[in-house]
PDB file of N, CA and C in Angstrom:
ATOM      1  N   MET A   1       6.849 -55.612  36.923  1.00  0.00           N
ATOM      2  CA  MET A   1       6.050 -54.687  37.710  1.00  0.00           C
ATOM      3  C   MET A   1       4.646 -55.259  37.837  1.00  0.00           C
ATOM      4  N   SER A   2       4.152 -55.286  39.044  1.00  0.00           N
ATOM      5  CA  SER A   2       2.784 -55.712  39.279  1.00  0.00           C
ATOM      6  C   SER A   2       1.855 -54.593  38.830  1.00  0.00           C
ATOM      7  N   THR A   3       0.959 -54.904  37.908  1.00  0.00           N
ATOM      8  CA  THR A   3       0.149 -53.844  37.324  1.00  0.00           C
ATOM      9  C   THR A   3      -1.290 -53.831  37.811  1.00  0.00           C
ATOM     10  N   THR A   4      -1.730 -54.847  38.518  1.00  0.00           N
ATOM     11  CA  THR A   4      -3.145 -54.877  38.899  1.00  0.00           C
ATOM     12  C   THR A   4      -3.526 -53.681  39.760  1.00  0.00           C
ATOM     13  N   ILE A   5      -2.757 -53.366  40.755  1.00  0.00           N
ATOM     14  CA  ILE A   5      -3.050 -52.216  41.620  1.00  0.00           C
ATOM     15  C   ILE A   5      -2.810 -50.920  40.853  1.00  0.00           C
ATOM     16  N   LEU A   6      -1.680 -50.841  40.174  1.00  0.00           N
ATOM     17  CA  LEU A   6      -1.359 -49.618  39.438  1.00  0.00           C
ATOM     18  C   LEU A   6      -2.363 -49.368  38.319  1.00  0.00           C
ATOM     19  N   ASP A   7      -2.798 -50.425  37.645  1.00  0.00           N
ATOM     20  CA  ASP A   7      -3.820 -50.254  36.602  1.00  0.00           C
ATOM     21  C   ASP A   7      -5.087 -49.633  37.175  1.00  0.00           C
ATOM     22  N   ARG A   8      -5.499 -50.081  38.325  1.00  0.00           N
ATOM     23  CA  ARG A   8      -6.711 -49.544  38.953  1.00  0.00           C
ATOM     24  C   ARG A   8      -6.507 -48.080  39.367  1.00  0.00           C
ATOM     25  N   VAL A   9      -5.338 -47.767  39.904  1.00  0.00           N
ATOM     26  CA  VAL A   9      -5.037 -46.389  40.294  1.00  0.00           C
ATOM     27  C   VAL A   9      -5.089 -45.482  39.067  1.00  0.00           C
ATOM     28  N   VAL A  10      -4.471 -45.901  37.965  1.00  0.00           N
ATOM     29  CA  VAL A  10      -4.464 -45.106  36.738  1.00  0.00           C
ATOM     30  C   VAL A  10      -5.888 -44.957  36.201  1.00  0.00           C
ATOM     31  N   GLU A  11      -6.681 -45.998  36.290  1.00  0.00           N
ATOM     32  CA  GLU A  11      -8.078 -45.935  35.840  1.00  0.00           C
ATOM     33  C   GLU A  11      -8.860 -44.881  36.630  1.00  0.00           C
ATOM     34  N   VAL A  12      -8.687 -44.862  37.943  1.00  0.00           N
ATOM     35  CA  VAL A  12      -9.368 -43.871  38.781  1.00  0.00           C
ATOM     36  C   VAL A  12      -8.841 -42.466  38.470  1.00  0.00           C
ATOM     37  N   GLU A  13      -7.544 -42.342  38.298  1.00  0.00           N
ATOM     38  CA  GLU A  13      -6.972 -41.030  37.949  1.00  0.00           C
ATOM     39  C   GLU A  13      -7.544 -40.523  36.624  1.00  0.00           C
ATOM     40  N   ASP A  14      -7.673 -41.411  35.644  1.00  0.00           N
ATOM     41  CA  ASP A  14      -8.258 -41.021  34.355  1.00  0.00           C
ATOM     42  C   ASP A  14      -9.703 -40.562  34.528  1.00  0.00           C
ATOM     43  N   GLN A  15     -10.447 -41.234  35.394  1.00  0.00           N
ATOM     44  CA  GLN A  15     -11.831 -40.829  35.660  1.00  0.00           C
ATOM     45  C   GLN A  15     -11.882 -39.434  36.288  1.00  0.00           C
ATOM     46  N   ILE A  16     -10.954 -39.151  37.173  1.00  0.00           N
ATOM     47  CA  ILE A  16     -10.892 -37.836  37.813  1.00  0.00           C
ATOM     48  C   ILE A  16     -10.597 -36.757  36.762  1.00  0.00           C
ATOM     49  N   VAL A  17      -9.625 -37.020  35.903  1.00  0.00           N
ATOM     50  CA  VAL A  17      -9.280 -36.056  34.860  1.00  0.00           C
ATOM     51  C   VAL A  17     -10.470 -35.852  33.924  1.00  0.00           C
ATOM     52  N   ASP A  18     -11.132 -36.930  33.543  1.00  0.00           N
ATOM     53  CA  ASP A  18     -12.319 -36.819  32.684  1.00  0.00           C
ATOM     54  C   ASP A  18     -13.408 -35.986  33.364  1.00  0.00           C
ATOM     55  N   SER A  19     -13.602 -36.201  34.655  1.00  0.00           N
ATOM     56  CA  SER A  19     -14.624 -35.444  35.396  1.00  0.00           C
ATOM     57  C   SER A  19     -14.297 -33.957  35.414  1.00  0.00           C
ATOM     58  N   ILE A  20     -13.038 -33.637  35.612  1.00  0.00           N
ATOM     59  CA  ILE A  20     -12.631 -32.232  35.609  1.00  0.00           C
ATOM     60  C   ILE A  20     -12.876 -31.631  34.228  1.00  0.00           C
ATOM     61  N   GLY A  21     -12.567 -32.373  33.181  1.00  0.00           N
ATOM     62  CA  GLY A  21     -12.796 -31.894  31.823  1.00  0.00           C
ATOM     63  C   GLY A  21     -14.268 -31.663  31.523  1.00  0.00           C
ATOM     64  N   GLN A  22     -15.135 -32.444  32.127  1.00  0.00           N
ATOM     65  CA  GLN A  22     -16.566 -32.329  31.868  1.00  0.00           C
ATOM     66  C   GLN A  22     -17.180 -31.079  32.490  1.00  0.00           C
ATOM     67  N   VAL A  23     -16.528 -30.475  33.450  1.00  0.00           N
ATOM     68  CA  VAL A  23     -17.087 -29.263  34.063  1.00  0.00           C
ATOM     69  C   VAL A  23     -16.746 -28.001  33.284  1.00  0.00           C
ATOM     70  N   LYS A  24     -15.882 -28.111  32.288  1.00  0.00           N
ATOM     71  CA  LYS A  24     -15.456 -26.918  31.538  1.00  0.00           C
ATOM     72  C   LYS A  24     -16.648 -26.172  30.945  1.00  0.00           C
ATOM     73  N   GLU A  25     -17.462 -26.840  30.176  1.00  0.00           N
ATOM     74  CA  GLU A  25     -18.571 -26.174  29.484  1.00  0.00           C
ATOM     75  C   GLU A  25     -19.552 -25.537  30.460  1.00  0.00           C
ATOM     76  N   PRO A  26     -20.028 -26.250  31.496  1.00  0.00           N
ATOM     77  CA  PRO A  26     -20.949 -25.599  32.431  1.00  0.00           C
ATOM     78  C   PRO A  26     -20.322 -24.417  33.179  1.00  0.00           C
ATOM     79  N   VAL A  27     -19.060 -24.518  33.522  1.00  0.00           N
ATOM     80  CA  VAL A  27     -18.399 -23.421  34.244  1.00  0.00           C
ATOM     81  C   VAL A  27     -18.225 -22.209  33.328  1.00  0.00           C
ATOM     82  N   VAL A  28     -17.826 -22.441  32.088  1.00  0.00           N
ATOM     83  CA  VAL A  28     -17.671 -21.337  31.139  1.00  0.00           C
ATOM     84  C   VAL A  28     -19.025 -20.679  30.886  1.00  0.00           C
ATOM     85  N   SER A  29     -20.066 -21.481  30.706  1.00  0.00           N
ATOM     86  CA  SER A  29     -21.414 -20.925  30.486  1.00  0.00           C
ATOM     87  C   SER A  29     -21.870 -20.084  31.677  1.00  0.00           C
ATOM     88  N   ALA A  30     -21.650 -20.578  32.874  1.00  0.00           N
ATOM     89  CA  ALA A  30     -22.040 -19.829  34.071  1.00  0.00           C
ATOM     90  C   ALA A  30     -21.248 -18.532  34.186  1.00  0.00           C
ATOM     91  N   THR A  31     -19.971 -18.582  33.850  1.00  0.00           N
ATOM     92  CA  THR A  31     -19.139 -17.377  33.899  1.00  0.00           C
ATOM     93  C   THR A  31     -19.611 -16.353  32.874  1.00  0.00           C
ATOM     94  N   GLU A  32     -19.947 -16.816  31.682  1.00  0.00           N
ATOM     95  CA  GLU A  32     -20.460 -15.906  30.659  1.00  0.00           C
ATOM     96  C   GLU A  32     -21.772 -15.264  31.110  1.00  0.00           C
ATOM     97  N   ALA A  33     -22.658 -16.047  31.732  1.00  0.00           N
ATOM     98  CA  ALA A  33     -23.935 -15.510  32.211  1.00  0.00           C
ATOM     99  C   ALA A  33     -23.712 -14.486  33.321  1.00  0.00           C
ATOM    100  N   ALA A  34     -22.815 -14.793  34.233  1.00  0.00           N
ATOM    101  CA  ALA A  34     -22.519 -13.861  35.322  1.00  0.00           C
ATOM    102  C   ALA A  34     -21.896 -12.577  34.778  1.00  0.00           C
ATOM    103  N   THR A  35     -21.016 -12.709  33.806  1.00  0.00           N
ATOM    104  CA  THR A  35     -20.382 -11.544  33.184  1.00  0.00           C
ATOM    105  C   THR A  35     -21.425 -10.660  32.507  1.00  0.00           C
ATOM    106  N   LYS A  36     -22.337 -11.280  31.773  1.00  0.00           N
ATOM    107  CA  LYS A  36     -23.403 -10.519  31.108  1.00  0.00           C
ATOM    108  C   LYS A  36     -24.271  -9.802  32.145  1.00  0.00           C
ATOM    109  N   PHE A  37     -24.615 -10.496  33.228  1.00  0.00           N
ATOM    110  CA  PHE A  37     -25.421  -9.927  34.298  1.00  0.00           C
ATOM    111  C   PHE A  37     -24.741  -8.684  34.875  1.00  0.00           C
ATOM    112  N   VAL A  38     -23.452  -8.796  35.161  1.00  0.00           N
ATOM    113  CA  VAL A  38     -22.702  -7.678  35.737  1.00  0.00           C
ATOM    114  C   VAL A  38     -22.629  -6.526  34.740  1.00  0.00           C
ATOM    115  N   GLN A  39     -22.328  -6.837  33.487  1.00  0.00           N
ATOM    116  CA  GLN A  39     -22.218  -5.783  32.474  1.00  0.00           C
ATOM    117  C   GLN A  39     -23.533  -5.011  32.331  1.00  0.00           C
ATOM    118  N   GLU A  40     -24.631  -5.716  32.358  1.00  0.00           N
ATOM    119  CA  GLU A  40     -25.932  -5.069  32.169  1.00  0.00           C
ATOM    120  C   GLU A  40     -26.338  -4.208  33.358  1.00  0.00           C
ATOM    121  N   ARG A  41     -25.873  -4.524  34.547  1.00  0.00           N
ATOM    122  CA  ARG A  41     -26.357  -3.846  35.740  1.00  0.00           C
ATOM    123  C   ARG A  41     -25.393  -2.853  36.368  1.00  0.00           C
ATOM    124  N   VAL A  42     -24.125  -3.078  36.218  1.00  0.00           N
ATOM    125  CA  VAL A  42     -23.171  -2.195  36.911  1.00  0.00           C
ATOM    126  C   VAL A  42     -22.101  -1.630  35.994  1.00  0.00           C
ATOM    127  N   GLU A  43     -22.328  -1.638  34.712  1.00  0.00           N
ATOM    128  CA  GLU A  43     -21.304  -1.156  33.787  1.00  0.00           C
ATOM    129  C   GLU A  43     -20.889   0.277  34.097  1.00  0.00           C
ATOM    130  N   VAL A  44     -21.837   1.117  34.499  1.00  0.00           N
ATOM    131  CA  VAL A  44     -21.525   2.509  34.833  1.00  0.00           C
ATOM    132  C   VAL A  44     -20.547   2.563  35.997  1.00  0.00           C
ATOM    133  N   ALA A  45     -20.673   1.661  36.924  1.00  0.00           N
ATOM    134  CA  ALA A  45     -19.814   1.669  38.104  1.00  0.00           C
ATOM    135  C   ALA A  45     -18.422   1.099  37.821  1.00  0.00           C
ATOM    136  N   LEU A  46     -18.282   0.398  36.704  1.00  0.00           N
ATOM    137  CA  LEU A  46     -16.975  -0.184  36.376  1.00  0.00           C
ATOM    138  C   LEU A  46     -16.089   0.877  35.750  1.00  0.00           C
ATOM    139  N   ARG A  47     -15.056   1.253  36.459  1.00  0.00           N
ATOM    140  CA  ARG A  47     -14.115   2.251  35.968  1.00  0.00           C
ATOM    141  C   ARG A  47     -12.760   1.589  35.786  1.00  0.00           C
ATOM    142  N   PRO A  48     -11.977   2.090  34.861  1.00  0.00           N
ATOM    143  CA  PRO A  48     -10.640   1.514  34.674  1.00  0.00           C
ATOM    144  C   PRO A  48      -9.807   1.583  35.957  1.00  0.00           C
ATOM    145  N   VAL A  49      -9.048   0.569  36.180  1.00  0.00           N
ATOM    146  CA  VAL A  49      -8.158   0.511  37.340  1.00  0.00           C
ATOM    147  C   VAL A  49      -6.928   1.362  37.032  1.00  0.00           C
ATOM    148  N   PRO A  50      -6.468   2.165  37.997  1.00  0.00           N
ATOM    149  CA  PRO A  50      -5.250   2.947  37.762  1.00  0.00           C
ATOM    150  C   PRO A  50      -4.083   2.026  37.388  1.00  0.00           C
ATOM    151  N   MET A  51      -3.315   2.432  36.418  1.00  0.00           N
ATOM    152  CA  MET A  51      -2.150   1.694  35.928  1.00  0.00           C
ATOM    153  C   MET A  51      -2.525   0.295  35.427  1.00  0.00           C
ATOM    154  N   ALA A  52      -3.719   0.133  34.875  1.00  0.00           N
ATOM    155  CA  ALA A  52      -4.181  -1.166  34.392  1.00  0.00           C
ATOM    156  C   ALA A  52      -3.260  -1.740  33.326  1.00  0.00           C
ATOM    157  N   GLU A  53      -2.638  -0.863  32.555  1.00  0.00           N
ATOM    158  CA  GLU A  53      -1.751  -1.347  31.490  1.00  0.00           C
ATOM    159  C   GLU A  53      -0.547  -2.103  32.029  1.00  0.00           C
ATOM    160  N   LYS A  54      -0.250  -1.910  33.307  1.00  0.00           N
ATOM    161  CA  LYS A  54       0.880  -2.611  33.922  1.00  0.00           C
ATOM    162  C   LYS A  54       0.479  -3.979  34.487  1.00  0.00           C
ATOM    163  N   LEU A  55      -0.812  -4.219  34.568  1.00  0.00           N
ATOM    164  CA  LEU A  55      -1.291  -5.487  35.112  1.00  0.00           C
ATOM    165  C   LEU A  55      -1.346  -6.548  34.017  1.00  0.00           C
ATOM    166  N   PRO A  56      -0.954  -7.774  34.344  1.00  0.00           N
ATOM    167  CA  PRO A  56      -1.057  -8.842  33.345  1.00  0.00           C
ATOM    168  C   PRO A  56      -2.526  -9.219  33.127  1.00  0.00           C
ATOM    169  N   THR A  57      -2.798  -9.782  31.964  1.00  0.00           N
ATOM    170  CA  THR A  57      -4.145 -10.270  31.693  1.00  0.00           C
ATOM    171  C   THR A  57      -4.348 -11.571  32.478  1.00  0.00           C
ATOM    172  N   PRO A  58      -5.598 -11.955  32.691  1.00  0.00           N
ATOM    173  CA  PRO A  58      -5.830 -13.241  33.358  1.00  0.00           C
ATOM    174  C   PRO A  58      -5.147 -14.401  32.623  1.00  0.00           C
ATOM    175  N   GLU A  59      -5.172 -14.355  31.291  1.00  0.00           N
ATOM    176  CA  GLU A  59      -4.520 -15.420  30.517  1.00  0.00           C
ATOM    177  C   GLU A  59      -3.014 -15.452  30.768  1.00  0.00           C
ATOM    178  N   GLU A  60      -2.397 -14.275  30.856  1.00  0.00           N
ATOM    179  CA  GLU A  60      -0.952 -14.225  31.126  1.00  0.00           C
ATOM    180  C   GLU A  60      -0.633 -14.803  32.503  1.00  0.00           C
ATOM    181  N   VAL A  61      -1.442 -14.456  33.491  1.00  0.00           N
ATOM    182  CA  VAL A  61      -1.229 -14.984  34.844  1.00  0.00           C
ATOM    183  C   VAL A  61      -1.391 -16.508  34.845  1.00  0.00           C
ATOM    184  N   LEU A  62      -2.467 -16.990  34.226  1.00  0.00           N
ATOM    185  CA  LEU A  62      -2.714 -18.435  34.200  1.00  0.00           C
ATOM    186  C   LEU A  62      -1.605 -19.177  33.457  1.00  0.00           C
ATOM    187  N   ASN A  63      -1.200 -18.661  32.314  1.00  0.00           N
ATOM    188  CA  ASN A  63      -0.123 -19.321  31.565  1.00  0.00           C
ATOM    189  C   ASN A  63       1.170 -19.366  32.369  1.00  0.00           C
ATOM    190  N   ALA A  64       1.504 -18.270  33.024  1.00  0.00           N
ATOM    191  CA  ALA A  64       2.726 -18.231  33.828  1.00  0.00           C
ATOM    192  C   ALA A  64       2.657 -19.217  34.989  1.00  0.00           C
ATOM    193  N   GLN A  65       1.508 -19.285  35.649  1.00  0.00           N
ATOM    194  CA  GLN A  65       1.383 -20.175  36.802  1.00  0.00           C
ATOM    195  C   GLN A  65       1.364 -21.651  36.395  1.00  0.00           C
ATOM    196  N   PHE A  66       0.712 -21.957  35.280  1.00  0.00           N
ATOM    197  CA  PHE A  66       0.720 -23.342  34.814  1.00  0.00           C
ATOM    198  C   PHE A  66       2.090 -23.741  34.276  1.00  0.00           C
ATOM    199  N   ASP A  67       2.821 -22.809  33.668  1.00  0.00           N
ATOM    200  CA  ASP A  67       4.202 -23.094  33.260  1.00  0.00           C
ATOM    201  C   ASP A  67       5.054 -23.412  34.483  1.00  0.00           C
ATOM    202  N   PHE A  68       4.898 -22.612  35.531  1.00  0.00           N
ATOM    203  CA  PHE A  68       5.623 -22.858  36.775  1.00  0.00           C
ATOM    204  C   PHE A  68       5.256 -24.224  37.352  1.00  0.00           C
ATOM    205  N   ALA A  69       3.955 -24.529  37.399  1.00  0.00           N
ATOM    206  CA  ALA A  69       3.507 -25.815  37.943  1.00  0.00           C
ATOM    207  C   ALA A  69       4.075 -26.977  37.136  1.00  0.00           C
ATOM    208  N   SER A  70       4.147 -26.820  35.814  1.00  0.00           N
ATOM    209  CA  SER A  70       4.705 -27.874  34.966  1.00  0.00           C
ATOM    210  C   SER A  70       6.188 -28.099  35.289  1.00  0.00           C
ATOM    211  N   LYS A  71       6.938 -27.002  35.410  1.00  0.00           N
ATOM    212  CA  LYS A  71       8.362 -27.115  35.754  1.00  0.00           C
ATOM    213  C   LYS A  71       8.539 -27.757  37.126  1.00  0.00           C
ATOM    214  N   LEU A  72       7.693 -27.358  38.067  1.00  0.00           N
ATOM    215  CA  LEU A  72       7.754 -27.913  39.414  1.00  0.00           C
ATOM    216  C   LEU A  72       7.461 -29.410  39.401  1.00  0.00           C
ATOM    217  N   LEU A  73       6.480 -29.814  38.618  1.00  0.00           N
ATOM    218  CA  LEU A  73       6.119 -31.224  38.521  1.00  0.00           C
ATOM    219  C   LEU A  73       7.244 -32.053  37.908  1.00  0.00           C
ATOM    220  N   VAL A  74       7.860 -31.536  36.842  1.00  0.00           N
ATOM    221  CA  VAL A  74       8.967 -32.242  36.193  1.00  0.00           C
ATOM    222  C   VAL A  74      10.141 -32.390  37.161  1.00  0.00           C
ATOM    223  N   THR A  75      10.476 -31.312  37.862  1.00  0.00           N
ATOM    224  CA  THR A  75      11.589 -31.358  38.812  1.00  0.00           C
ATOM    225  C   THR A  75      11.286 -32.289  39.973  1.00  0.00           C
ATOM    226  N   SER A  76      10.060 -32.252  40.483  1.00  0.00           N
ATOM    227  CA  SER A  76       9.665 -33.134  41.587  1.00  0.00           C
ATOM    228  C   SER A  76       9.732 -34.595  41.167  1.00  0.00           C
ATOM    229  N   LYS A  77       9.310 -34.879  39.942  1.00  0.00           N
ATOM    230  CA  LYS A  77       9.373 -36.254  39.439  1.00  0.00           C
ATOM    231  C   LYS A  77      10.821 -36.713  39.362  1.00  0.00           C
ATOM    232  N   ASP A  78      11.698 -35.847  38.860  1.00  0.00           N
ATOM    233  CA  ASP A  78      13.116 -36.191  38.753  1.00  0.00           C
ATOM    234  C   ASP A  78      13.708 -36.515  40.122  1.00  0.00           C
ATOM    235  N   VAL A  79      13.385 -35.690  41.115  1.00  0.00           N
ATOM    236  CA  VAL A  79      13.876 -35.925  42.473  1.00  0.00           C
ATOM    237  C   VAL A  79      13.309 -37.234  43.027  1.00  0.00           C
ATOM    238  N   ALA A  80      12.003 -37.452  42.862  1.00  0.00           N
ATOM    239  CA  ALA A  80      11.360 -38.653  43.393  1.00  0.00           C
ATOM    240  C   ALA A  80      11.928 -39.920  42.750  1.00  0.00           C
ATOM    241  N   LEU A  81      12.154 -39.886  41.435  1.00  0.00           N
ATOM    242  CA  LEU A  81      12.735 -41.062  40.771  1.00  0.00           C
ATOM    243  C   LEU A  81      14.168 -41.322  41.227  1.00  0.00           C
ATOM    244  N   ALA A  82      14.924 -40.265  41.458  1.00  0.00           N
ATOM    245  CA  ALA A  82      16.293 -40.430  41.958  1.00  0.00           C
ATOM    246  C   ALA A  82      16.284 -41.041  43.354  1.00  0.00           C
ATOM    247  N   VAL A  83      15.353 -40.608  44.200  1.00  0.00           N
ATOM    248  CA  VAL A  83      15.230 -41.176  45.551  1.00  0.00           C
ATOM    249  C   VAL A  83      14.822 -42.641  45.467  1.00  0.00           C
ATOM    250  N   ALA A  84      13.852 -42.952  44.592  1.00  0.00           N
ATOM    251  CA  ALA A  84      13.419 -44.344  44.430  1.00  0.00           C
ATOM    252  C   ALA A  84      14.569 -45.221  43.951  1.00  0.00           C
ATOM    253  N   LYS A  85      15.374 -44.698  43.031  1.00  0.00           N
ATOM    254  CA  LYS A  85      16.529 -45.453  42.533  1.00  0.00           C
ATOM    255  C   LYS A  85      17.546 -45.678  43.653  1.00  0.00           C
ATOM    256  N   ALA A  86      17.780 -44.651  44.457  1.00  0.00           N
ATOM    257  CA  ALA A  86      18.727 -44.775  45.560  1.00  0.00           C
ATOM    258  C   ALA A  86      18.246 -45.793  46.598  1.00  0.00           C
ATOM    259  N   ALA A  87      16.928 -45.872  46.794  1.00  0.00           N
ATOM    260  CA  ALA A  87      16.365 -46.807  47.779  1.00  0.00           C
ATOM    261  C   ALA A  87      16.137 -48.199  47.211  1.00  0.00           C
ATOM    262  N   ALA A  88      16.318 -48.385  45.906  1.00  0.00           N
ATOM    263  CA  ALA A  88      16.017 -49.656  45.246  1.00  0.00           C
ATOM    264  C   ALA A  88      16.683 -50.885  45.873  1.00  0.00           C
ATOM    265  N   PRO A  89      17.934 -50.803  46.304  1.00  0.00           N
ATOM    266  CA  PRO A  89      18.519 -52.007  46.900  1.00  0.00           C
ATOM    267  C   PRO A  89      17.709 -52.530  48.104  1.00  0.00           C
ATOM    268  N   VAL A  90      17.186 -51.639  48.904  1.00  0.00           N
ATOM    269  CA  VAL A  90      16.390 -52.056  50.060  1.00  0.00           C
ATOM    270  C   VAL A  90      14.976 -52.440  49.632  1.00  0.00           C
ATOM    271  N   THR A  91      14.345 -51.608  48.804  1.00  0.00           N
ATOM    272  CA  THR A  91      12.962 -51.901  48.414  1.00  0.00           C
ATOM    273  C   THR A  91      12.874 -53.167  47.574  1.00  0.00           C
ATOM    274  N   ASN A  92      13.859 -53.404  46.712  1.00  0.00           N
ATOM    275  CA  ASN A  92      13.846 -54.639  45.915  1.00  0.00           C
ATOM    276  C   ASN A  92      13.955 -55.869  46.811  1.00  0.00           C
ATOM    277  N   LYS A  93      14.798 -55.800  47.824  1.00  0.00           N
ATOM    278  CA  LYS A  93      14.945 -56.936  48.728  1.00  0.00           C
ATOM    279  C   LYS A  93      13.668 -57.124  49.547  1.00  0.00           C
ATOM    280  N   TRP A  94      13.133 -56.035  50.067  1.00  0.00           N
ATOM    281  CA  TRP A  94      11.936 -56.085  50.893  1.00  0.00           C
ATOM    282  C   TRP A  94      10.741 -56.620  50.118  1.00  0.00           C
ATOM    283  N   LEU A  95      10.628 -56.224  48.849  1.00  0.00           N
ATOM    284  CA  LEU A  95       9.508 -56.665  48.012  1.00  0.00           C
ATOM    285  C   LEU A  95       9.849 -57.906  47.193  1.00  0.00           C
ATOM    286  N   ASP A  96      10.999 -58.488  47.470  1.00  0.00           N
ATOM    287  CA  ASP A  96      11.439 -59.716  46.806  1.00  0.00           C
ATOM    288  C   ASP A  96      11.450 -59.551  45.288  1.00  0.00           C
ATOM    289  N   ARG A  97      12.094 -58.490  44.847  1.00  0.00           N
ATOM    290  CA  ARG A  97      12.210 -58.223  43.412  1.00  0.00           C
ATOM    291  C   ARG A  97      13.661 -58.327  43.002  1.00  0.00           C
ATOM    292  N   LYS A  98      13.847 -58.822  41.810  1.00  0.00           N
ATOM    293  CA  LYS A  98      15.196 -58.896  41.257  1.00  0.00           C
ATOM    294  C   LYS A  98      15.461 -57.601  40.502  1.00  0.00           C
ATOM    295  N   PRO A  99      16.660 -57.052  40.640  1.00  0.00           N
ATOM    296  CA  PRO A  99      16.980 -55.839  39.883  1.00  0.00           C
ATOM    297  C   PRO A  99      16.872 -56.121  38.388  1.00  0.00           C
ATOM    298  N   LYS A 100      16.416 -55.141  37.635  1.00  0.00           N
ATOM    299  CA  LYS A 100      16.313 -55.301  36.191  1.00  0.00           C
ATOM    300  C   LYS A 100      17.716 -55.331  35.598  1.00  0.00           C
ATOM    301  N   PRO A 101      17.950 -56.282  34.683  1.00  0.00           N
ATOM    302  CA  PRO A 101      19.285 -56.341  34.076  1.00  0.00           C
ATOM    303  C   PRO A 101      19.527 -55.124  33.189  1.00  0.00           C
ATOM    304  N   VAL A 102      20.765 -54.704  33.166  1.00  0.00           N
ATOM    305  CA  VAL A 102      21.145 -53.581  32.322  1.00  0.00           C
ATOM    306  C   VAL A 102      21.541 -54.152  30.973  1.00  0.00           C
ATOM    307  N   ARG A 103      20.879 -53.706  29.931  1.00  0.00           N
ATOM    308  CA  ARG A 103      21.154 -54.219  28.591  1.00  0.00           C
ATOM    309  C   ARG A 103      22.297 -53.434  27.963  1.00  0.00           C
ATOM    310  N   ALA A 104      23.174 -54.182  27.334  1.00  0.00           N
ATOM    311  CA  ALA A 104      24.286 -53.539  26.623  1.00  0.00           C
ATOM    312  C   ALA A 104      23.744 -52.972  25.311  1.00  0.00           C
ATOM    313  N   ALA A 105      24.300 -51.873  24.903  1.00  0.00           N
ATOM    314  CA  ALA A 105      23.891 -51.253  23.641  1.00  0.00           C
ATOM    315  C   ALA A 105      24.256 -52.170  22.488  1.00  0.00           C
ATOM    316  N   LYS A 106      23.369 -52.276  21.505  1.00  0.00           N
ATOM    317  CA  LYS A 106      23.644 -53.105  20.340  1.00  0.00           C
ATOM    318  C   LYS A 106      24.740 -52.465  19.501  1.00  0.00           C
ATOM    319  N   LYS A 107      25.633 -53.312  19.015  1.00  0.00           N
ATOM    320  CA  LYS A 107      26.689 -52.808  18.153  1.00  0.00           C
ATOM    321  C   LYS A 107      26.160 -52.741  16.726  1.00  0.00           C
ATOM    322  N   SER A 108      26.372 -51.624  16.111  1.00  0.00           N
ATOM    323  CA  SER A 108      25.898 -51.477  14.740  1.00  0.00           C
ATOM    324  C   SER A 108      27.017 -51.829  13.781  1.00  0.00           C
ATOM    325  N   ALA A 109      26.617 -52.406  12.654  1.00  0.00           N
ATOM    326  CA  ALA A 109      27.615 -52.774  11.644  1.00  0.00           C
ATOM    327  C   ALA A 109      28.103 -51.501  10.973  1.00  0.00           C
ATOM    328  N   ALA A 110      29.401 -51.299  10.997  1.00  0.00           N
ATOM    329  CA  ALA A 110      29.949 -50.068  10.446  1.00  0.00           C
ATOM    330  C   ALA A 110      30.448 -50.255   9.052  1.00  0.00           C
TER     331      ALA A 110
END
């Protein structure tokens, strides 16, 4: 596998993930400040929502949606790899690659 291009792509992807991680603290701080501001000024106007006990918490919604996204990502990867494998005879020829040899399982001494 040629890694020069892929190495650079992975490096940029890692930078993107790191950048997203770096915004956590400022975003949480801003949210806490906004929450405090609202509580101090409009707490009287905040009334319980009817049937609130039936509504999921924000954490429950986020966990459910990220669980779904994880399952979707795993399934999409499985489909994409199967398609890539099915197309390998053409892509290997086009890219002048030799198919990887299939290694036989080692026999263990019984």
